[in-house]
Amino acid sequence: MPDSPRIGILTVSDRASRGEYPDESGPAVRAALDELLVSPWISVAQLVPDDADQIASALIDLVDVHGCVLVLTTGGTGPAMRDVTPDATRAVGSRELPGLGEAMRASSGGRVPTASLSRQTAAIRGTSLIVNLPGTPAGATECLTAVLPALVHCTALLTSERLTPAARPPDLHT
C-alpha cells in the first residue's frame, strides 16, 4: 500500500513516554480509525512527553518527513501547566480550525461535566490537518467519531489523498 494516505497518531504523555504505563490512547485511536475508515491507510505512530518543543518537533516530523495528510494527537489538551499540545499545534500550524475543537467539546459535553475545560483544537500545516484529541482512550475515540466527516472533507480539500469513511460509523462506545 505505498500509495495509501498516511495518518500520524501522536500520543502526548509524560508517564507513557517514561514507560510507567503502556500507551492506550494511541492504539485506541488506531483501532477506531480501522473501524471508521474503509479506505486503506498507513499509520505512523509516535509517543512524546508533555513538552511543547518535543510535540512541535514530532508534528513537523509527521507532516514534513513522513507525509501524513492527517495527524491526530491524543493527550495534553487540559488546563494543567503541562498540557501544551494545543500550543505546540498552533506554533507549527499556519491556520487554526477552532470549530473542530468546539465540535469535540460539544460531542462530550452532555456526559462529561469537565468537557468545557478541554483546549482541543486543530490546525493546518502545509496540506496536512492536525487535530488534538483528548488523552483518554474513550474520549479520543468519541471525539474522533464526532468530527470524522469534517476530517475526511478537510483532507480532501487540502490534498488529493482520499479517506473513505464507513457508510455507517460503528458505535465505538459499547
Foldseek 3Di string as FASTA:
>chain_A
DVPAAEEEEEEEAQCCVVVVDPQPQSVLLVVLLVQWFPDDYHYDYDYYYLDLVVLLVVVCCCCVPVPHQEYEYEALFFDDPSSCNVVSQVVQADAKDAVLLVQLLVQCVVPDVCSVRGRWTWGHHQLHIYTYFYHDSLRRSSSCVRCVVVRQVSSVVSDVHGTHTDPDRDDPND
